[in-house]
Amino acid sequence: KVNVIDRCSPKANRCFWFKSNQWHNATPPKDHQTRI
């Protein structure tokens, strides 16, 4: 849980998938009202 190995930015109609046993988190938006 130290080094970032991949990341994906939100874009409508984009899918980002990975193994479920992988450490991950989401980041709240700073420049938009919502991230859905």
PDB file of all heavy atoms in Angstrom:
ATOM      1  N   LYS A   1       0.824  -1.223   0.000  1.00  0.00           N
ATOM      2  CA  LYS A   1       0.000   0.000   0.000  1.00  0.00           C
ATOM      3  C   LYS A   1       0.856   1.272   0.000  1.00  0.00           C
ATOM      4  O   LYS A   1       0.459   2.293   0.554  1.00  0.00           O
ATOM      5  CB  LYS A   1      -0.951   0.017   1.206  1.00  0.00           C
ATOM      6  CG  LYS A   1      -1.945  -1.113   1.232  1.00  0.00           C
ATOM      7  CD  LYS A   1      -2.989  -0.917   2.333  1.00  0.00           C
ATOM      8  CE  LYS A   1      -2.387  -1.026   3.710  1.00  0.00           C
ATOM      9  NZ  LYS A   1      -3.416  -0.895   4.774  1.00  0.00           N
ATOM     10  N   VAL A   2       2.033   1.195  -0.605  1.00  0.00           N
ATOM     11  CA  VAL A   2       2.966   2.326  -0.606  1.00  0.00           C
ATOM     12  C   VAL A   2       3.092   2.935  -1.996  1.00  0.00           C
ATOM     13  O   VAL A   2       2.870   4.131  -2.198  1.00  0.00           O
ATOM     14  CB  VAL A   2       4.355   1.888  -0.086  1.00  0.00           C
ATOM     15  CG1 VAL A   2       5.345   3.045  -0.226  1.00  0.00           C
ATOM     16  CG2 VAL A   2       4.263   1.424   1.356  1.00  0.00           C
ATOM     17  N   ASN A   3       3.462   2.122  -2.955  1.00  0.00           N
ATOM     18  CA  ASN A   3       3.742   2.613  -4.301  1.00  0.00           C
ATOM     19  C   ASN A   3       2.511   2.492  -5.206  1.00  0.00           C
ATOM     20  O   ASN A   3       1.810   1.475  -5.186  1.00  0.00           O
ATOM     21  CB  ASN A   3       4.900   1.819  -4.918  1.00  0.00           C
ATOM     22  CG  ASN A   3       6.180   1.974  -4.126  1.00  0.00           C
ATOM     23  OD1 ASN A   3       6.616   3.093  -3.834  1.00  0.00           O
ATOM     24  ND2 ASN A   3       6.790   0.854  -3.752  1.00  0.00           N
ATOM     25  N   VAL A   4       2.277   3.525  -6.001  1.00  0.00           N
ATOM     26  CA  VAL A   4       1.202   3.510  -6.992  1.00  0.00           C
ATOM     27  C   VAL A   4       1.676   2.723  -8.207  1.00  0.00           C
ATOM     28  O   VAL A   4       2.734   3.022  -8.769  1.00  0.00           O
ATOM     29  CB  VAL A   4       0.818   4.939  -7.405  1.00  0.00           C
ATOM     30  CG1 VAL A   4      -0.190   4.911  -8.548  1.00  0.00           C
ATOM     31  CG2 VAL A   4       0.262   5.708  -6.214  1.00  0.00           C
ATOM     32  N   ILE A   5       0.910   1.726  -8.621  1.00  0.00           N
ATOM     33  CA  ILE A   5       1.303   0.928  -9.783  1.00  0.00           C
ATOM     34  C   ILE A   5       0.404   1.171 -10.992  1.00  0.00           C
ATOM     35  O   ILE A   5       0.750   0.795 -12.107  1.00  0.00           O
ATOM     36  CB  ILE A   5       1.353  -0.575  -9.453  1.00  0.00           C
ATOM     37  CG1 ILE A   5      -0.009  -1.099  -9.015  1.00  0.00           C
ATOM     38  CG2 ILE A   5       2.408  -0.861  -8.404  1.00  0.00           C
ATOM     39  CD1 ILE A   5      -0.023  -2.603  -8.805  1.00  0.00           C
ATOM     40  N   ASP A   6      -0.746   1.801 -10.766  1.00  0.00           N
ATOM     41  CA  ASP A   6      -1.613   2.147 -11.894  1.00  0.00           C
ATOM     42  C   ASP A   6      -2.661   3.138 -11.405  1.00  0.00           C
ATOM     43  O   ASP A   6      -2.930   3.228 -10.207  1.00  0.00           O
ATOM     44  CB  ASP A   6      -2.292   0.907 -12.475  1.00  0.00           C
ATOM     45  CG  ASP A   6      -2.576   1.039 -13.968  1.00  0.00           C
ATOM     46  OD1 ASP A   6      -2.483   2.173 -14.490  1.00  0.00           O
ATOM     47  OD2 ASP A   6      -2.892   0.027 -14.610  1.00  0.00           O
ATOM     48  N   ARG A   7      -3.230   3.896 -12.346  1.00  0.00           N
ATOM     49  CA  ARG A   7      -4.289   4.837 -11.994  1.00  0.00           C
ATOM     50  C   ARG A   7      -5.123   5.125 -13.235  1.00  0.00           C
ATOM     51  O   ARG A   7      -4.663   4.952 -14.372  1.00  0.00           O
ATOM     52  CB  ARG A   7      -3.724   6.122 -11.395  1.00  0.00           C
ATOM     53  CG  ARG A   7      -2.867   6.945 -12.303  1.00  0.00           C
ATOM     54  CD  ARG A   7      -2.085   7.991 -11.507  1.00  0.00           C
ATOM     55  NE  ARG A   7      -2.953   8.738 -10.613  1.00  0.00           N
ATOM     56  CZ  ARG A   7      -2.588   9.125  -9.384  1.00  0.00           C
ATOM     57  NH1 ARG A   7      -1.389   8.842  -8.923  1.00  0.00           N
ATOM     58  NH2 ARG A   7      -3.417   9.813  -8.627  1.00  0.00           N
ATOM     59  N   CYS A   8      -6.364   5.564 -13.011  1.00  0.00           N
ATOM     60  CA  CYS A   8      -7.257   5.850 -14.133  1.00  0.00           C
ATOM     61  C   CYS A   8      -8.080   7.084 -13.799  1.00  0.00           C
ATOM     62  O   CYS A   8      -8.624   7.214 -12.692  1.00  0.00           O
ATOM     63  CB  CYS A   8      -8.173   4.656 -14.384  1.00  0.00           C
ATOM     64  SG  CYS A   8      -9.290   4.843 -15.797  1.00  0.00           S
ATOM     65  N   SER A   9      -8.176   8.007 -14.752  1.00  0.00           N
ATOM     66  CA  SER A   9      -8.950   9.232 -14.568  1.00  0.00           C
ATOM     67  C   SER A   9     -10.387   9.038 -15.041  1.00  0.00           C
ATOM     68  O   SER A   9     -10.638   8.333 -16.025  1.00  0.00           O
ATOM     69  CB  SER A   9      -8.319  10.388 -15.346  1.00  0.00           C
ATOM     70  OG  SER A   9      -7.009  10.641 -14.881  1.00  0.00           O
ATOM     71  N   PRO A  10     -11.349   9.659 -14.351  1.00  0.00           N
ATOM     72  CA  PRO A  10     -12.762   9.506 -14.726  1.00  0.00           C
ATOM     73  C   PRO A  10     -13.076  10.130 -16.083  1.00  0.00           C
ATOM     74  O   PRO A  10     -12.709  11.274 -16.351  1.00  0.00           O
ATOM     75  CB  PRO A  10     -13.511  10.239 -13.607  1.00  0.00           C
ATOM     76  CG  PRO A  10     -12.551  10.327 -12.475  1.00  0.00           C
ATOM     77  CD  PRO A  10     -11.203  10.431 -13.110  1.00  0.00           C
ATOM     78  N   LYS A  11     -13.756   9.369 -16.896  1.00  0.00           N
ATOM     79  CA  LYS A  11     -14.266   9.842 -18.177  1.00  0.00           C
ATOM     80  C   LYS A  11     -15.560   9.091 -18.441  1.00  0.00           C
ATOM     81  O   LYS A  11     -15.604   7.864 -18.293  1.00  0.00           O
ATOM     82  CB  LYS A  11     -13.251   9.574 -19.299  1.00  0.00           C
ATOM     83  CG  LYS A  11     -13.735   9.988 -20.680  1.00  0.00           C
ATOM     84  CD  LYS A  11     -12.725   9.608 -21.750  1.00  0.00           C
ATOM     85  CE  LYS A  11     -13.231   9.949 -23.143  1.00  0.00           C
ATOM     86  NZ  LYS A  11     -12.290   9.509 -24.195  1.00  0.00           N
ATOM     87  N   ALA A  12     -16.607   9.802 -18.801  1.00  0.00           N
ATOM     88  CA  ALA A  12     -17.896   9.166 -19.024  1.00  0.00           C
ATOM     89  C   ALA A  12     -17.787   8.014 -20.016  1.00  0.00           C
ATOM     90  O   ALA A  12     -17.127   8.138 -21.057  1.00  0.00           O
ATOM     91  CB  ALA A  12     -18.909  10.198 -19.523  1.00  0.00           C
ATOM     92  N   ASN A  13     -18.401   6.893 -19.676  1.00  0.00           N
ATOM     93  CA  ASN A  13     -18.428   5.683 -20.500  1.00  0.00           C
ATOM     94  C   ASN A  13     -17.076   4.976 -20.577  1.00  0.00           C
ATOM     95  O   ASN A  13     -16.790   4.245 -21.496  1.00  0.00           O
ATOM     96  CB  ASN A  13     -18.950   5.973 -21.912  1.00  0.00           C
ATOM     97  CG  ASN A  13     -19.564   4.748 -22.561  1.00  0.00           C
ATOM     98  OD1 ASN A  13     -19.856   3.742 -21.904  1.00  0.00           O
ATOM     99  ND2 ASN A  13     -19.766   4.820 -23.871  1.00  0.00           N
ATOM    100  N   ARG A  14     -16.247   5.204 -19.568  1.00  0.00           N
ATOM    101  CA  ARG A  14     -14.975   4.479 -19.445  1.00  0.00           C
ATOM    102  C   ARG A  14     -15.121   3.409 -18.370  1.00  0.00           C
ATOM    103  O   ARG A  14     -15.743   3.623 -17.337  1.00  0.00           O
ATOM    104  CB  ARG A  14     -13.850   5.439 -19.097  1.00  0.00           C
ATOM    105  CG  ARG A  14     -12.535   4.770 -18.678  1.00  0.00           C
ATOM    106  CD  ARG A  14     -11.439   5.802 -18.448  1.00  0.00           C
ATOM    107  NE  ARG A  14     -10.996   6.388 -19.710  1.00  0.00           N
ATOM    108  CZ  ARG A  14     -10.175   7.433 -19.801  1.00  0.00           C
ATOM    109  NH1 ARG A  14      -9.746   8.026 -18.701  1.00  0.00           N
ATOM    110  NH2 ARG A  14      -9.801   7.882 -20.987  1.00  0.00           N
ATOM    111  N   CYS A  15     -14.517   2.258 -18.618  1.00  0.00           N
ATOM    112  CA  CYS A  15     -14.468   1.177 -17.638  1.00  0.00           C
ATOM    113  C   CYS A  15     -13.009   0.923 -17.261  1.00  0.00           C
ATOM    114  O   CYS A  15     -12.140   0.885 -18.126  1.00  0.00           O
ATOM    115  CB  CYS A  15     -15.100  -0.096 -18.222  1.00  0.00           C
ATOM    116  SG  CYS A  15     -14.926  -1.578 -17.186  1.00  0.00           S
ATOM    117  N   PHE A  16     -12.776   0.761 -15.975  1.00  0.00           N
ATOM    118  CA  PHE A  16     -11.435   0.441 -15.478  1.00  0.00           C
ATOM    119  C   PHE A  16     -11.572  -0.781 -14.582  1.00  0.00           C
ATOM    120  O   PHE A  16     -12.318  -0.761 -13.616  1.00  0.00           O
ATOM    121  CB  PHE A  16     -10.875   1.627 -14.688  1.00  0.00           C
ATOM    122  CG  PHE A  16      -9.467   1.433 -14.185  1.00  0.00           C
ATOM    123  CD1 PHE A  16      -8.428   1.179 -15.061  1.00  0.00           C
ATOM    124  CD2 PHE A  16      -9.185   1.526 -12.822  1.00  0.00           C
ATOM    125  CE1 PHE A  16      -7.126   1.021 -14.610  1.00  0.00           C
ATOM    126  CE2 PHE A  16      -7.890   1.380 -12.351  1.00  0.00           C
ATOM    127  CZ  PHE A  16      -6.853   1.114 -13.253  1.00  0.00           C
ATOM    128  N   TRP A  17     -10.861  -1.857 -14.940  1.00  0.00           N
ATOM    129  CA  TRP A  17     -11.024  -3.088 -14.159  1.00  0.00           C
ATOM    130  C   TRP A  17      -9.690  -3.662 -13.714  1.00  0.00           C
ATOM    131  O   TRP A  17      -8.647  -3.406 -14.305  1.00  0.00           O
ATOM    132  CB  TRP A  17     -11.850  -4.114 -14.930  1.00  0.00           C
ATOM    133  CG  TRP A  17     -11.251  -4.695 -16.173  1.00  0.00           C
ATOM    134  CD1 TRP A  17     -11.275  -4.160 -17.425  1.00  0.00           C
ATOM    135  CD2 TRP A  17     -10.566  -5.951 -16.299  1.00  0.00           C
ATOM    136  NE1 TRP A  17     -10.648  -5.001 -18.315  1.00  0.00           N
ATOM    137  CE2 TRP A  17     -10.206  -6.106 -17.656  1.00  0.00           C
ATOM    138  CE3 TRP A  17     -10.235  -6.960 -15.404  1.00  0.00           C
ATOM    139  CZ2 TRP A  17      -9.527  -7.226 -18.118  1.00  0.00           C
ATOM    140  CZ3 TRP A  17      -9.556  -8.072 -15.868  1.00  0.00           C
ATOM    141  CH2 TRP A  17      -9.212  -8.194 -17.216  1.00  0.00           C
ATOM    142  N   PHE A  18      -9.749  -4.441 -12.632  1.00  0.00           N
ATOM    143  CA  PHE A  18      -8.541  -4.944 -11.978  1.00  0.00           C
ATOM    144  C   PHE A  18      -8.932  -6.111 -11.076  1.00  0.00           C
ATOM    145  O   PHE A  18     -10.123  -6.367 -10.837  1.00  0.00           O
ATOM    146  CB  PHE A  18      -7.869  -3.835 -11.160  1.00  0.00           C
ATOM    147  CG  PHE A  18      -8.827  -3.039 -10.307  1.00  0.00           C
ATOM    148  CD1 PHE A  18      -9.107  -3.429  -9.007  1.00  0.00           C
ATOM    149  CD2 PHE A  18      -9.458  -1.899 -10.810  1.00  0.00           C
ATOM    150  CE1 PHE A  18     -10.003  -2.710  -8.225  1.00  0.00           C
ATOM    151  CE2 PHE A  18     -10.351  -1.174 -10.029  1.00  0.00           C
ATOM    152  CZ  PHE A  18     -10.624  -1.589  -8.736  1.00  0.00           C
ATOM    153  N   LYS A  19      -7.941  -6.794 -10.569  1.00  0.00           N
ATOM    154  CA  LYS A  19      -8.200  -7.905  -9.656  1.00  0.00           C
ATOM    155  C   LYS A  19      -8.765  -7.369  -8.340  1.00  0.00           C
ATOM    156  O   LYS A  19      -8.274  -6.384  -7.800  1.00  0.00           O
ATOM    157  CB  LYS A  19      -6.919  -8.700  -9.408  1.00  0.00           C
ATOM    158  CG  LYS A  19      -6.414  -9.427 -10.648  1.00  0.00           C
ATOM    159  CD  LYS A  19      -4.996  -9.949 -10.476  1.00  0.00           C
ATOM    160  CE  LYS A  19      -4.939 -11.090  -9.477  1.00  0.00           C
ATOM    161  NZ  LYS A  19      -3.596 -11.733  -9.468  1.00  0.00           N
ATOM    162  N   SER A  20      -9.774  -8.043  -7.820  1.00  0.00           N
ATOM    163  CA  SER A  20     -10.471  -7.551  -6.636  1.00  0.00           C
ATOM    164  C   SER A  20      -9.626  -7.592  -5.372  1.00  0.00           C
ATOM    165  O   SER A  20      -9.929  -6.906  -4.392  1.00  0.00           O
ATOM    166  CB  SER A  20     -11.762  -8.349  -6.407  1.00  0.00           C
ATOM    167  OG  SER A  20     -12.634  -8.219  -7.501  1.00  0.00           O
ATOM    168  N   ASN A  21      -8.573  -8.419  -5.372  1.00  0.00           N
ATOM    169  CA  ASN A  21      -7.709  -8.497  -4.185  1.00  0.00           C
ATOM    170  C   ASN A  21      -6.527  -7.537  -4.260  1.00  0.00           C
ATOM    171  O   ASN A  21      -5.540  -7.698  -3.560  1.00  0.00           O
ATOM    172  CB  ASN A  21      -7.215  -9.931  -3.968  1.00  0.00           C
ATOM    173  CG  ASN A  21      -6.419 -10.477  -5.149  1.00  0.00           C
ATOM    174  OD1 ASN A  21      -6.143  -9.752  -6.101  1.00  0.00           O
ATOM    175  ND2 ASN A  21      -6.047 -11.747  -5.099  1.00  0.00           N
ATOM    176  N   GLN A  22      -6.673  -6.520  -5.102  1.00  0.00           N
ATOM    177  CA  GLN A  22      -5.641  -5.505  -5.246  1.00  0.00           C
ATOM    178  C   GLN A  22      -6.006  -4.272  -4.405  1.00  0.00           C
ATOM    179  O   GLN A  22      -7.157  -3.820  -4.398  1.00  0.00           O
ATOM    180  CB  GLN A  22      -5.506  -5.098  -6.718  1.00  0.00           C
ATOM    181  CG  GLN A  22      -4.356  -4.160  -7.009  1.00  0.00           C
ATOM    182  CD  GLN A  22      -3.005  -4.831  -6.842  1.00  0.00           C
ATOM    183  OE1 GLN A  22      -2.886  -6.049  -6.956  1.00  0.00           O
ATOM    184  NE2 GLN A  22      -1.995  -4.041  -6.547  1.00  0.00           N
ATOM    185  N   TRP A  23      -5.028  -3.731  -3.674  1.00  0.00           N
ATOM    186  CA  TRP A  23      -5.252  -2.513  -2.907  1.00  0.00           C
ATOM    187  C   TRP A  23      -5.571  -1.348  -3.844  1.00  0.00           C
ATOM    188  O   TRP A  23      -4.885  -1.138  -4.852  1.00  0.00           O
ATOM    189  CB  TRP A  23      -4.021  -2.158  -2.082  1.00  0.00           C
ATOM    190  CG  TRP A  23      -3.668  -3.112  -0.984  1.00  0.00           C
ATOM    191  CD1 TRP A  23      -2.614  -3.963  -0.934  1.00  0.00           C
ATOM    192  CD2 TRP A  23      -4.378  -3.301   0.250  1.00  0.00           C
ATOM    193  NE1 TRP A  23      -2.618  -4.673   0.251  1.00  0.00           N
ATOM    194  CE2 TRP A  23      -3.686  -4.287   0.999  1.00  0.00           C
ATOM    195  CE3 TRP A  23      -5.538  -2.725   0.796  1.00  0.00           C
ATOM    196  CZ2 TRP A  23      -4.115  -4.707   2.249  1.00  0.00           C
ATOM    197  CZ3 TRP A  23      -5.959  -3.146   2.048  1.00  0.00           C
ATOM    198  CH2 TRP A  23      -5.249  -4.125   2.762  1.00  0.00           C
ATOM    199  N   HIS A  24      -6.596  -0.577  -3.511  1.00  0.00           N
ATOM    200  CA  HIS A  24      -6.966   0.557  -4.354  1.00  0.00           C
ATOM    201  C   HIS A  24      -7.796   1.555  -3.549  1.00  0.00           C
ATOM    202  O   HIS A  24      -8.281   1.242  -2.460  1.00  0.00           O
ATOM    203  CB  HIS A  24      -7.748   0.090  -5.586  1.00  0.00           C
ATOM    204  CG  HIS A  24      -9.077  -0.534  -5.264  1.00  0.00           C
ATOM    205  ND1 HIS A  24      -9.207  -1.835  -4.810  1.00  0.00           N
ATOM    206  CD2 HIS A  24     -10.340  -0.036  -5.293  1.00  0.00           C
ATOM    207  CE1 HIS A  24     -10.469  -2.116  -4.599  1.00  0.00           C
ATOM    208  NE2 HIS A  24     -11.185  -1.034  -4.873  1.00  0.00           N
ATOM    209  N   ASN A  25      -7.968   2.736  -4.101  1.00  0.00           N
ATOM    210  CA  ASN A  25      -8.899   3.710  -3.529  1.00  0.00           C
ATOM    211  C   ASN A  25      -9.358   4.679  -4.608  1.00  0.00           C
ATOM    212  O   ASN A  25      -8.805   4.725  -5.711  1.00  0.00           O
ATOM    213  CB  ASN A  25      -8.297   4.453  -2.330  1.00  0.00           C
ATOM    214  CG  ASN A  25      -7.138   5.361  -2.689  1.00  0.00           C
ATOM    215  OD1 ASN A  25      -6.647   5.356  -3.821  1.00  0.00           O
ATOM    216  ND2 ASN A  25      -6.664   6.154  -1.732  1.00  0.00           N
ATOM    217  N   ALA A  26     -10.395   5.422  -4.258  1.00  0.00           N
ATOM    218  CA  ALA A  26     -10.910   6.480  -5.134  1.00  0.00           C
ATOM    219  C   ALA A  26     -10.469   7.829  -4.584  1.00  0.00           C
ATOM    220  O   ALA A  26     -10.160   7.956  -3.397  1.00  0.00           O
ATOM    221  CB  ALA A  26     -12.430   6.398  -5.204  1.00  0.00           C
ATOM    222  N   THR A  27     -10.463   8.829  -5.454  1.00  0.00           N
ATOM    223  CA  THR A  27     -10.074  10.180  -5.052  1.00  0.00           C
ATOM    224  C   THR A  27     -11.252  11.129  -5.256  1.00  0.00           C
ATOM    225  O   THR A  27     -11.802  11.182  -6.359  1.00  0.00           O
ATOM    226  CB  THR A  27      -8.884  10.676  -5.892  1.00  0.00           C
ATOM    227  OG1 THR A  27      -7.840   9.697  -5.873  1.00  0.00           O
ATOM    228  CG2 THR A  27      -8.365  11.998  -5.360  1.00  0.00           C
ATOM    229  N   PRO A  28     -11.672  11.861  -4.231  1.00  0.00           N
ATOM    230  CA  PRO A  28     -12.760  12.830  -4.413  1.00  0.00           C
ATOM    231  C   PRO A  28     -12.373  13.905  -5.426  1.00  0.00           C
ATOM    232  O   PRO A  28     -11.196  14.272  -5.536  1.00  0.00           O
ATOM    233  CB  PRO A  28     -12.940  13.435  -3.015  1.00  0.00           C
ATOM    234  CG  PRO A  28     -12.403  12.396  -2.074  1.00  0.00           C
ATOM    235  CD  PRO A  28     -11.256  11.766  -2.812  1.00  0.00           C
ATOM    236  N   PRO A  29     -13.348  14.428  -6.158  1.00  0.00           N
ATOM    237  CA  PRO A  29     -13.044  15.449  -7.170  1.00  0.00           C
ATOM    238  C   PRO A  29     -12.739  16.809  -6.548  1.00  0.00           C
ATOM    239  O   PRO A  29     -13.311  17.177  -5.525  1.00  0.00           O
ATOM    240  CB  PRO A  29     -14.338  15.508  -7.996  1.00  0.00           C
ATOM    241  CG  PRO A  29     -15.409  15.118  -7.019  1.00  0.00           C
ATOM    242  CD  PRO A  29     -14.785  14.090  -6.121  1.00  0.00           C
ATOM    243  N   LYS A  30     -11.842  17.530  -7.178  1.00  0.00           N
ATOM    244  CA  LYS A  30     -11.532  18.896  -6.759  1.00  0.00           C
ATOM    245  C   LYS A  30     -12.083  19.928  -7.730  1.00  0.00           C
ATOM    246  O   LYS A  30     -12.381  21.057  -7.341  1.00  0.00           O
ATOM    247  CB  LYS A  30     -10.014  19.078  -6.640  1.00  0.00           C
ATOM    248  CG  LYS A  30      -9.368  18.279  -5.520  1.00  0.00           C
ATOM    249  CD  LYS A  30      -7.879  18.577  -5.431  1.00  0.00           C
ATOM    250  CE  LYS A  30      -7.228  17.800  -4.289  1.00  0.00           C
ATOM    251  NZ  LYS A  30      -5.778  18.097  -4.172  1.00  0.00           N
ATOM    252  N   ASP A  31     -12.206  19.558  -9.012  1.00  0.00           N
ATOM    253  CA  ASP A  31     -12.587  20.508 -10.050  1.00  0.00           C
ATOM    254  C   ASP A  31     -14.007  20.309 -10.569  1.00  0.00           C
ATOM    255  O   ASP A  31     -14.466  21.081 -11.415  1.00  0.00           O
ATOM    256  CB  ASP A  31     -11.612  20.404 -11.229  1.00  0.00           C
ATOM    257  CG  ASP A  31     -10.178  20.666 -10.811  1.00  0.00           C
ATOM    258  OD1 ASP A  31      -9.974  21.544  -9.952  1.00  0.00           O
ATOM    259  OD2 ASP A  31      -9.271  19.986 -11.334  1.00  0.00           O
ATOM    260  N   HIS A  32     -14.683  19.255 -10.111  1.00  0.00           N
ATOM    261  CA  HIS A  32     -16.059  18.980 -10.520  1.00  0.00           C
ATOM    262  C   HIS A  32     -16.932  18.785  -9.285  1.00  0.00           C
ATOM    263  O   HIS A  32     -16.432  18.392  -8.230  1.00  0.00           O
ATOM    264  CB  HIS A  32     -16.136  17.731 -11.405  1.00  0.00           C
ATOM    265  CG  HIS A  32     -15.432  17.862 -12.718  1.00  0.00           C
ATOM    266  ND1 HIS A  32     -14.056  17.782 -12.827  1.00  0.00           N
ATOM    267  CD2 HIS A  32     -15.909  18.065 -13.972  1.00  0.00           C
ATOM    268  CE1 HIS A  32     -13.714  17.930 -14.107  1.00  0.00           C
ATOM    269  NE2 HIS A  32     -14.810  18.105 -14.811  1.00  0.00           N
ATOM    270  N   GLN A  33     -18.221  19.044  -9.440  1.00  0.00           N
ATOM    271  CA  GLN A  33     -19.127  18.919  -8.299  1.00  0.00           C
ATOM    272  C   GLN A  33     -19.275  17.474  -7.835  1.00  0.00           C
ATOM    273  O   GLN A  33     -19.386  17.217  -6.635  1.00  0.00           O
ATOM    274  CB  GLN A  33     -20.500  19.481  -8.651  1.00  0.00           C
ATOM    275  CG  GLN A  33     -20.551  21.000  -8.745  1.00  0.00           C
ATOM    276  CD  GLN A  33     -21.968  21.505  -8.939  1.00  0.00           C
ATOM    277  OE1 GLN A  33     -22.808  20.832  -9.532  1.00  0.00           O
ATOM    278  NE2 GLN A  33     -22.231  22.706  -8.444  1.00  0.00           N
ATOM    279  N   THR A  34     -19.295  16.550  -8.783  1.00  0.00           N
ATOM    280  CA  THR A  34     -19.502  15.145  -8.433  1.00  0.00           C
ATOM    281  C   THR A  34     -18.596  14.220  -9.244  1.00  0.00           C
ATOM    282  O   THR A  34     -18.161  14.569 -10.353  1.00  0.00           O
ATOM    283  CB  THR A  34     -20.966  14.702  -8.678  1.00  0.00           C
ATOM    284  OG1 THR A  34     -21.277  14.858 -10.070  1.00  0.00           O
ATOM    285  CG2 THR A  34     -21.933  15.494  -7.827  1.00  0.00           C
ATOM    286  N   ARG A  35     -18.336  13.080  -8.684  1.00  0.00           N
ATOM    287  CA  ARG A  35     -17.655  11.971  -9.367  1.00  0.00           C
ATOM    288  C   ARG A  35     -18.544  10.752  -9.142  1.00  0.00           C
ATOM    289  O   ARG A  35     -18.628  10.214  -8.036  1.00  0.00           O
ATOM    290  CB  ARG A  35     -16.266  11.741  -8.765  1.00  0.00           C
ATOM    291  CG  ARG A  35     -15.522  10.512  -9.282  1.00  0.00           C
ATOM    292  CD  ARG A  35     -14.293  10.276  -8.407  1.00  0.00           C
ATOM    293  NE  ARG A  35     -13.450   9.179  -8.861  1.00  0.00           N
ATOM    294  CZ  ARG A  35     -13.610   7.906  -8.517  1.00  0.00           C
ATOM    295  NH1 ARG A  35     -14.628   7.550  -7.725  1.00  0.00           N
ATOM    296  NH2 ARG A  35     -12.762   6.979  -8.949  1.00  0.00           N
ATOM    297  N   ILE A  36     -19.239  10.325 -10.191  1.00  0.00           N
ATOM    298  CA  ILE A  36     -20.215   9.239 -10.065  1.00  0.00           C
ATOM    299  C   ILE A  36     -19.704   8.009 -10.800  1.00  0.00           C
ATOM    300  O   ILE A  36     -19.332   8.085 -11.982  1.00  0.00           O
ATOM    301  CB  ILE A  36     -21.587   9.642 -10.631  1.00  0.00           C
ATOM    302  CG1 ILE A  36     -22.074  10.936  -9.971  1.00  0.00           C
ATOM    303  CG2 ILE A  36     -22.611   8.530 -10.415  1.00  0.00           C
ATOM    304  CD1 ILE A  36     -23.367  11.485 -10.564  1.00  0.00           C
TER     305      ILE A  36
END
